[in-house]
């Protein structure tokens, strides 16, 4: 079951990345949030029991951290 969740997470990250075809119009903070949310979802799906709540929580935390990191780098 964990392998399926990991594969779905990776596929979701690929879809989000491909969906950012207007990447040039995003600020550094927004780019950081997208990357952080994808990475957080992948890590969150592997933590604990691998449930949807862990994946969503990881995406939320990763998005916030990515946004802050992107905002502070110039």
PDB file of N, CA and C in Angstrom:
ATOM      1  N   UNK A   1       0.824  -1.198   0.000  1.00  0.00           N
ATOM      2  CA  UNK A   1       0.000   0.000   0.000  1.00  0.00           C
ATOM      3  C   UNK A   1       0.865   1.256   0.000  1.00  0.00           C
ATOM      4  N   UNK A   2       1.967   1.255   0.753  1.00  0.00           N
ATOM      5  CA  UNK A   2       2.840   2.418   0.813  1.00  0.00           C
ATOM      6  C   UNK A   2       3.458   2.731  -0.543  1.00  0.00           C
ATOM      7  N   UNK A   3       3.758   1.694  -1.312  1.00  0.00           N
ATOM      8  CA  UNK A   3       4.343   1.916  -2.631  1.00  0.00           C
ATOM      9  C   UNK A   3       3.353   2.640  -3.536  1.00  0.00           C
ATOM     10  N   UNK A   4       2.076   2.281  -3.426  1.00  0.00           N
ATOM     11  CA  UNK A   4       1.047   2.946  -4.235  1.00  0.00           C
ATOM     12  C   UNK A   4       0.932   4.410  -3.840  1.00  0.00           C
ATOM     13  N   UNK A   5       0.973   4.682  -2.555  1.00  0.00           N
ATOM     14  CA  UNK A   5       0.873   6.067  -2.092  1.00  0.00           C
ATOM     15  C   UNK A   5       2.077   6.865  -2.566  1.00  0.00           C
ATOM     16  N   UNK A   6       3.254   6.267  -2.491  1.00  0.00           N
ATOM     17  CA  UNK A   6       4.453   6.953  -2.960  1.00  0.00           C
ATOM     18  C   UNK A   6       4.380   7.220  -4.461  1.00  0.00           C
ATOM     19  N   UNK A   7       3.897   6.246  -5.217  1.00  0.00           N
ATOM     20  CA  UNK A   7       3.782   6.436  -6.659  1.00  0.00           C
ATOM     21  C   UNK A   7       2.758   7.515  -6.994  1.00  0.00           C
ATOM     22  N   UNK A   8       1.657   7.534  -6.269  1.00  0.00           N
ATOM     23  CA  UNK A   8       0.640   8.558  -6.494  1.00  0.00           C
ATOM     24  C   UNK A   8       1.190   9.933  -6.132  1.00  0.00           C
ATOM     25  N   UNK A   9       1.962  10.007  -5.048  1.00  0.00           N
ATOM     26  CA  UNK A   9       2.566  11.284  -4.661  1.00  0.00           C
ATOM     27  C   UNK A   9       3.522  11.784  -5.724  1.00  0.00           C
ATOM     28  N   UNK A  10       4.352  10.895  -6.248  1.00  0.00           N
ATOM     29  CA  UNK A  10       5.290  11.290  -7.290  1.00  0.00           C
ATOM     30  C   UNK A  10       4.560  11.717  -8.563  1.00  0.00           C
ATOM     31  N   UNK A  11       3.506  10.997  -8.899  1.00  0.00           N
ATOM     32  CA  UNK A  11       2.722  11.366 -10.074  1.00  0.00           C
ATOM     33  C   UNK A  11       2.058  12.726  -9.866  1.00  0.00           C
ATOM     34  N   UNK A  12       1.600  12.988  -8.660  1.00  0.00           N
ATOM     35  CA  UNK A  12       0.991  14.283  -8.359  1.00  0.00           C
ATOM     36  C   UNK A  12       2.005  15.406  -8.480  1.00  0.00           C
ATOM     37  N   UNK A  13       3.217  15.171  -7.975  1.00  0.00           N
ATOM     38  CA  UNK A  13       4.259  16.188  -8.093  1.00  0.00           C
ATOM     39  C   UNK A  13       4.590  16.451  -9.552  1.00  0.00           C
ATOM     40  N   UNK A  14       4.646  15.402 -10.353  1.00  0.00           N
ATOM     41  CA  UNK A  14       4.929  15.568 -11.780  1.00  0.00           C
ATOM     42  C   UNK A  14       3.809  16.363 -12.451  1.00  0.00           C
ATOM     43  N   UNK A  15       2.574  16.085 -12.077  1.00  0.00           N
ATOM     44  CA  UNK A  15       1.441  16.804 -12.664  1.00  0.00           C
ATOM     45  C   UNK A  15       1.454  18.276 -12.258  1.00  0.00           C
ATOM     46  N   UNK A  16       1.784  18.550 -11.011  1.00  0.00           N
ATOM     47  CA  UNK A  16       1.855  19.940 -10.553  1.00  0.00           C
ATOM     48  C   UNK A  16       2.969  20.678 -11.279  1.00  0.00           C
ATOM     49  N   UNK A  17       4.112  20.018 -11.408  1.00  0.00           N
ATOM     50  CA  UNK A  17       5.232  20.643 -12.103  1.00  0.00           C
ATOM     51  C   UNK A  17       4.884  20.904 -13.562  1.00  0.00           C
ATOM     52  N   UNK A  18       4.270  19.941 -14.211  1.00  0.00           N
ATOM     53  CA  UNK A  18       3.874  20.120 -15.605  1.00  0.00           C
ATOM     54  C   UNK A  18       2.793  21.189 -15.732  1.00  0.00           C
ATOM     55  N   UNK A  19       1.948  21.285 -14.732  1.00  0.00           N
ATOM     56  CA  UNK A  19       0.882  22.277 -14.754  1.00  0.00           C
ATOM     57  C   UNK A  19       1.371  23.698 -14.571  1.00  0.00           C
ATOM     58  N   UNK A  20       2.590  23.843 -14.135  1.00  0.00           N
ATOM     59  CA  UNK A  20       3.162  25.176 -13.934  1.00  0.00           C
ATOM     60  C   UNK A  20       3.809  25.669 -15.220  1.00  0.00           C
ATOM     61  N   UNK A  21       3.079  25.596 -16.300  1.00  0.00           N
ATOM     62  CA  UNK A  21       3.624  26.038 -17.580  1.00  0.00           C
ATOM     63  C   UNK A  21       3.816  27.548 -17.595  1.00  0.00           C
ATOM     64  N   UNK A  22       3.177  28.250 -16.688  1.00  0.00           N
ATOM     65  CA  UNK A  22       3.365  29.685 -16.563  1.00  0.00           C
ATOM     66  C   UNK A  22       4.308  29.993 -15.410  1.00  0.00           C
ATOM     67  N   UNK A  23       5.275  29.146 -15.225  1.00  0.00           N
ATOM     68  CA  UNK A  23       6.240  29.250 -14.136  1.00  0.00           C
ATOM     69  C   UNK A  23       6.908  30.626 -14.114  1.00  0.00           C
ATOM     70  N   UNK A  24       7.126  31.234 -15.285  1.00  0.00           N
ATOM     71  CA  UNK A  24       7.806  32.520 -15.356  1.00  0.00           C
ATOM     72  C   UNK A  24       7.020  33.632 -14.669  1.00  0.00           C
ATOM     73  N   UNK A  25       5.715  33.488 -14.583  1.00  0.00           N
ATOM     74  CA  UNK A  25       4.891  34.524 -13.970  1.00  0.00           C
ATOM     75  C   UNK A  25       4.777  34.389 -12.460  1.00  0.00           C
ATOM     76  N   UNK A  26       5.344  33.335 -11.895  1.00  0.00           N
ATOM     77  CA  UNK A  26       5.273  33.126 -10.451  1.00  0.00           C
ATOM     78  C   UNK A  26       6.441  33.818  -9.757  1.00  0.00           C
ATOM     79  N   UNK A  27       6.171  34.316  -8.557  1.00  0.00           N
ATOM     80  CA  UNK A  27       7.250  34.901  -7.759  1.00  0.00           C
ATOM     81  C   UNK A  27       8.098  33.781  -7.158  1.00  0.00           C
ATOM     82  N   UNK A  28       9.235  34.156  -6.586  1.00  0.00           N
ATOM     83  CA  UNK A  28      10.101  33.152  -5.954  1.00  0.00           C
ATOM     84  C   UNK A  28       9.369  32.466  -4.796  1.00  0.00           C
ATOM     85  N   UNK A  29       8.570  33.218  -4.062  1.00  0.00           N
ATOM     86  CA  UNK A  29       7.830  32.650  -2.940  1.00  0.00           C
ATOM     87  C   UNK A  29       6.802  31.636  -3.427  1.00  0.00           C
ATOM     88  N   UNK A  30       6.121  31.947  -4.528  1.00  0.00           N
ATOM     89  CA  UNK A  30       5.123  31.027  -5.078  1.00  0.00           C
ATOM     90  C   UNK A  30       5.780  29.768  -5.626  1.00  0.00           C
ATOM     91  N   UNK A  31       6.916  29.926  -6.277  1.00  0.00           N
ATOM     92  CA  UNK A  31       7.654  28.758  -6.766  1.00  0.00           C
ATOM     93  C   UNK A  31       8.093  27.885  -5.602  1.00  0.00           C
ATOM     94  N   UNK A  32       8.571  28.518  -4.536  1.00  0.00           N
ATOM     95  CA  UNK A  32       8.987  27.775  -3.351  1.00  0.00           C
ATOM     96  C   UNK A  32       7.828  27.018  -2.719  1.00  0.00           C
ATOM     97  N   UNK A  33       6.642  27.638  -2.727  1.00  0.00           N
ATOM     98  CA  UNK A  33       5.466  26.987  -2.158  1.00  0.00           C
ATOM     99  C   UNK A  33       5.077  25.751  -2.958  1.00  0.00           C
ATOM    100  N   UNK A  34       5.150  25.848  -4.289  1.00  0.00           N
ATOM    101  CA  UNK A  34       4.808  24.705  -5.142  1.00  0.00           C
ATOM    102  C   UNK A  34       5.778  23.548  -4.901  1.00  0.00           C
ATOM    103  N   UNK A  35       7.062  23.857  -4.914  1.00  0.00           N
ATOM    104  CA  UNK A  35       8.073  22.817  -4.713  1.00  0.00           C
ATOM    105  C   UNK A  35       7.974  22.248  -3.308  1.00  0.00           C
ATOM    106  N   UNK A  36       7.797  23.103  -2.320  1.00  0.00           N
ATOM    107  CA  UNK A  36       7.686  22.650  -0.935  1.00  0.00           C
ATOM    108  C   UNK A  36       6.467  21.776  -0.702  1.00  0.00           C
ATOM    109  N   UNK A  37       5.345  22.130  -1.310  1.00  0.00           N
ATOM    110  CA  UNK A  37       4.132  21.324  -1.150  1.00  0.00           C
ATOM    111  C   UNK A  37       4.306  19.938  -1.756  1.00  0.00           C
ATOM    112  N   UNK A  38       4.936  19.870  -2.913  1.00  0.00           N
ATOM    113  CA  UNK A  38       5.180  18.563  -3.537  1.00  0.00           C
ATOM    114  C   UNK A  38       6.109  17.706  -2.709  1.00  0.00           C
ATOM    115  N   UNK A  39       7.188  18.301  -2.243  1.00  0.00           N
ATOM    116  CA  UNK A  39       8.136  17.556  -1.421  1.00  0.00           C
ATOM    117  C   UNK A  39       7.505  17.164  -0.087  1.00  0.00           C
ATOM    118  N   UNK A  40       6.745  18.083   0.499  1.00  0.00           N
ATOM    119  CA  UNK A  40       6.087  17.787   1.769  1.00  0.00           C
ATOM    120  C   UNK A  40       5.064  16.669   1.643  1.00  0.00           C
ATOM    121  N   UNK A  41       4.349  16.630   0.529  1.00  0.00           N
ATOM    122  CA  UNK A  41       3.373  15.558   0.312  1.00  0.00           C
ATOM    123  C   UNK A  41       4.073  14.213   0.197  1.00  0.00           C
ATOM    124  N   UNK A  42       5.206  14.189  -0.502  1.00  0.00           N
ATOM    125  CA  UNK A  42       5.954  12.935  -0.643  1.00  0.00           C
ATOM    126  C   UNK A  42       6.479  12.456   0.699  1.00  0.00           C
ATOM    127  N   UNK A  43       7.024  13.362   1.484  1.00  0.00           N
ATOM    128  CA  UNK A  43       7.550  12.985   2.801  1.00  0.00           C
ATOM    129  C   UNK A  43       6.402  12.621   3.736  1.00  0.00           C
ATOM    130  N   UNK A  44       5.332  13.397   3.711  1.00  0.00           N
ATOM    131  CA  UNK A  44       4.199  13.131   4.584  1.00  0.00           C
ATOM    132  C   UNK A  44       3.554  11.788   4.329  1.00  0.00           C
ATOM    133  N   UNK A  45       3.563  11.340   3.067  1.00  0.00           N
ATOM    134  CA  UNK A  45       2.958  10.046   2.757  1.00  0.00           C
ATOM    135  C   UNK A  45       3.778   8.891   3.310  1.00  0.00           C
ATOM    136  N   UNK A  46       5.044   9.138   3.585  1.00  0.00           N
ATOM    137  CA  UNK A  46       5.911   8.083   4.113  1.00  0.00           C
ATOM    138  C   UNK A  46       5.982   8.078   5.635  1.00  0.00           C
ATOM    139  N   UNK A  47       5.494   9.133   6.265  1.00  0.00           N
ATOM    140  CA  UNK A  47       5.544   9.256   7.721  1.00  0.00           C
ATOM    141  C   UNK A  47       4.287   8.645   8.332  1.00  0.00           C
ATOM    142  N   UNK A  48       4.436   8.013   9.437  1.00  0.00           N
ATOM    143  CA  UNK A  48       3.292   7.436  10.132  1.00  0.00           C
ATOM    144  C   UNK A  48       2.694   6.276   9.374  1.00  0.00           C
ATOM    145  N   UNK A  49       1.375   6.226   9.297  1.00  0.00           N
ATOM    146  CA  UNK A  49       0.697   5.107   8.649  1.00  0.00           C
ATOM    147  C   UNK A  49       0.515   5.325   7.150  1.00  0.00           C
ATOM    148  N   UNK A  50       0.998   6.447   6.621  1.00  0.00           N
ATOM    149  CA  UNK A  50       0.904   6.706   5.186  1.00  0.00           C
ATOM    150  C   UNK A  50      -0.480   7.092   4.727  1.00  0.00           C
ATOM    151  N   UNK A  51      -1.312   7.574   5.622  1.00  0.00           N
ATOM    152  CA  UNK A  51      -2.676   7.944   5.272  1.00  0.00           C
ATOM    153  C   UNK A  51      -2.754   9.280   4.567  1.00  0.00           C
ATOM    154  N   UNK A  52      -3.942   9.596   4.107  1.00  0.00           N
ATOM    155  CA  UNK A  52      -4.170  10.841   3.373  1.00  0.00           C
ATOM    156  C   UNK A  52      -3.925  12.068   4.251  1.00  0.00           C
ATOM    157  N   UNK A  53      -4.232  11.962   5.534  1.00  0.00           N
ATOM    158  CA  UNK A  53      -4.029  13.090   6.436  1.00  0.00           C
ATOM    159  C   UNK A  53      -2.555  13.433   6.544  1.00  0.00           C
ATOM    160  N   UNK A  54      -1.693  12.433   6.589  1.00  0.00           N
ATOM    161  CA  UNK A  54      -0.253  12.675   6.630  1.00  0.00           C
ATOM    162  C   UNK A  54       0.219  13.355   5.345  1.00  0.00           C
ATOM    163  N   UNK A  55      -0.306  12.901   4.213  1.00  0.00           N
ATOM    164  CA  UNK A  55       0.079  13.487   2.928  1.00  0.00           C
ATOM    165  C   UNK A  55      -0.373  14.939   2.842  1.00  0.00           C
ATOM    166  N   UNK A  56      -1.604  15.212   3.219  1.00  0.00           N
ATOM    167  CA  UNK A  56      -2.110  16.584   3.184  1.00  0.00           C
ATOM    168  C   UNK A  56      -1.381  17.480   4.177  1.00  0.00           C
ATOM    169  N   UNK A  57      -1.120  16.951   5.345  1.00  0.00           N
ATOM    170  CA  UNK A  57      -0.372  17.717   6.343  1.00  0.00           C
ATOM    171  C   UNK A  57       1.031  18.038   5.867  1.00  0.00           C
ATOM    172  N   UNK A  58       1.685  17.053   5.261  1.00  0.00           N
ATOM    173  CA  UNK A  58       3.020  17.277   4.728  1.00  0.00           C
ATOM    174  C   UNK A  58       3.020  18.310   3.621  1.00  0.00           C
ATOM    175  N   UNK A  59       2.008  18.266   2.766  1.00  0.00           N
ATOM    176  CA  UNK A  59       1.903  19.251   1.682  1.00  0.00           C
ATOM    177  C   UNK A  59       1.698  20.651   2.240  1.00  0.00           C
ATOM    178  N   UNK A  60       0.873  20.765   3.259  1.00  0.00           N
ATOM    179  CA  UNK A  60       0.609  22.072   3.862  1.00  0.00           C
ATOM    180  C   UNK A  60       1.862  22.639   4.518  1.00  0.00           C
ATOM    181  N   UNK A  61       2.518  21.820   5.317  1.00  0.00           N
ATOM    182  CA  UNK A  61       3.731  22.280   6.000  1.00  0.00           C
ATOM    183  C   UNK A  61       4.828  22.593   4.983  1.00  0.00           C
ATOM    184  N   UNK A  62       5.004  21.725   4.009  1.00  0.00           N
ATOM    185  CA  UNK A  62       6.017  21.955   2.979  1.00  0.00           C
ATOM    186  C   UNK A  62       5.745  23.211   2.171  1.00  0.00           C
ATOM    187  N   UNK A  63       4.482  23.459   1.873  1.00  0.00           N
ATOM    188  CA  UNK A  63       4.119  24.661   1.127  1.00  0.00           C
ATOM    189  C   UNK A  63       4.437  25.931   1.889  1.00  0.00           C
ATOM    190  N   UNK A  64       4.145  25.924   3.184  1.00  0.00           N
ATOM    191  CA  UNK A  64       4.425  27.101   4.010  1.00  0.00           C
ATOM    192  C   UNK A  64       5.940  27.324   4.115  1.00  0.00           C
ATOM    193  N   UNK A  65       6.675  26.249   4.379  1.00  0.00           N
ATOM    194  CA  UNK A  65       8.130  26.374   4.492  1.00  0.00           C
ATOM    195  C   UNK A  65       8.734  26.818   3.162  1.00  0.00           C
ATOM    196  N   UNK A  66       8.295  26.217   2.067  1.00  0.00           N
ATOM    197  CA  UNK A  66       8.799  26.602   0.753  1.00  0.00           C
ATOM    198  C   UNK A  66       8.502  28.052   0.427  1.00  0.00           C
ATOM    199  N   UNK A  67       7.323  28.520   0.806  1.00  0.00           N
ATOM    200  CA  UNK A  67       6.953  29.913   0.563  1.00  0.00           C
ATOM    201  C   UNK A  67       7.880  30.848   1.326  1.00  0.00           C
ATOM    202  N   UNK A  68       8.131  30.542   2.594  1.00  0.00           N
ATOM    203  CA  UNK A  68       8.986  31.396   3.411  1.00  0.00           C
ATOM    204  C   UNK A  68      10.428  31.389   2.923  1.00  0.00           C
ATOM    205  N   UNK A  69      10.933  30.229   2.531  1.00  0.00           N
ATOM    206  CA  UNK A  69      12.297  30.148   2.010  1.00  0.00           C
ATOM    207  C   UNK A  69      12.399  30.937   0.708  1.00  0.00           C
ATOM    208  N   UNK A  70      11.429  30.772  -0.171  1.00  0.00           N
ATOM    209  CA  UNK A  70      11.435  31.495  -1.442  1.00  0.00           C
ATOM    210  C   UNK A  70      11.312  32.993  -1.255  1.00  0.00           C
ATOM    211  N   UNK A  71      10.584  33.404  -0.257  1.00  0.00           N
ATOM    212  CA  UNK A  71      10.382  34.822   0.007  1.00  0.00           C
ATOM    213  C   UNK A  71      11.654  35.484   0.516  1.00  0.00           C
ATOM    214  N   UNK A  72      12.437  34.727   1.260  1.00  0.00           N
ATOM    215  CA  UNK A  72      13.633  35.300   1.882  1.00  0.00           C
ATOM    216  C   UNK A  72      14.871  35.243   1.018  1.00  0.00           C
ATOM    217  N   UNK A  73      14.844  34.484  -0.063  1.00  0.00           N
ATOM    218  CA  UNK A  73      16.004  34.431  -0.952  1.00  0.00           C
ATOM    219  C   UNK A  73      15.804  35.400  -2.104  1.00  0.00           C
ATOM    220  N   UNK A  74      16.794  36.164  -2.381  1.00  0.00           N
ATOM    221  CA  UNK A  74      16.681  37.147  -3.483  1.00  0.00           C
ATOM    222  C   UNK A  74      17.701  36.872  -4.533  1.00  0.00           C
TER     223      UNK A  74
END
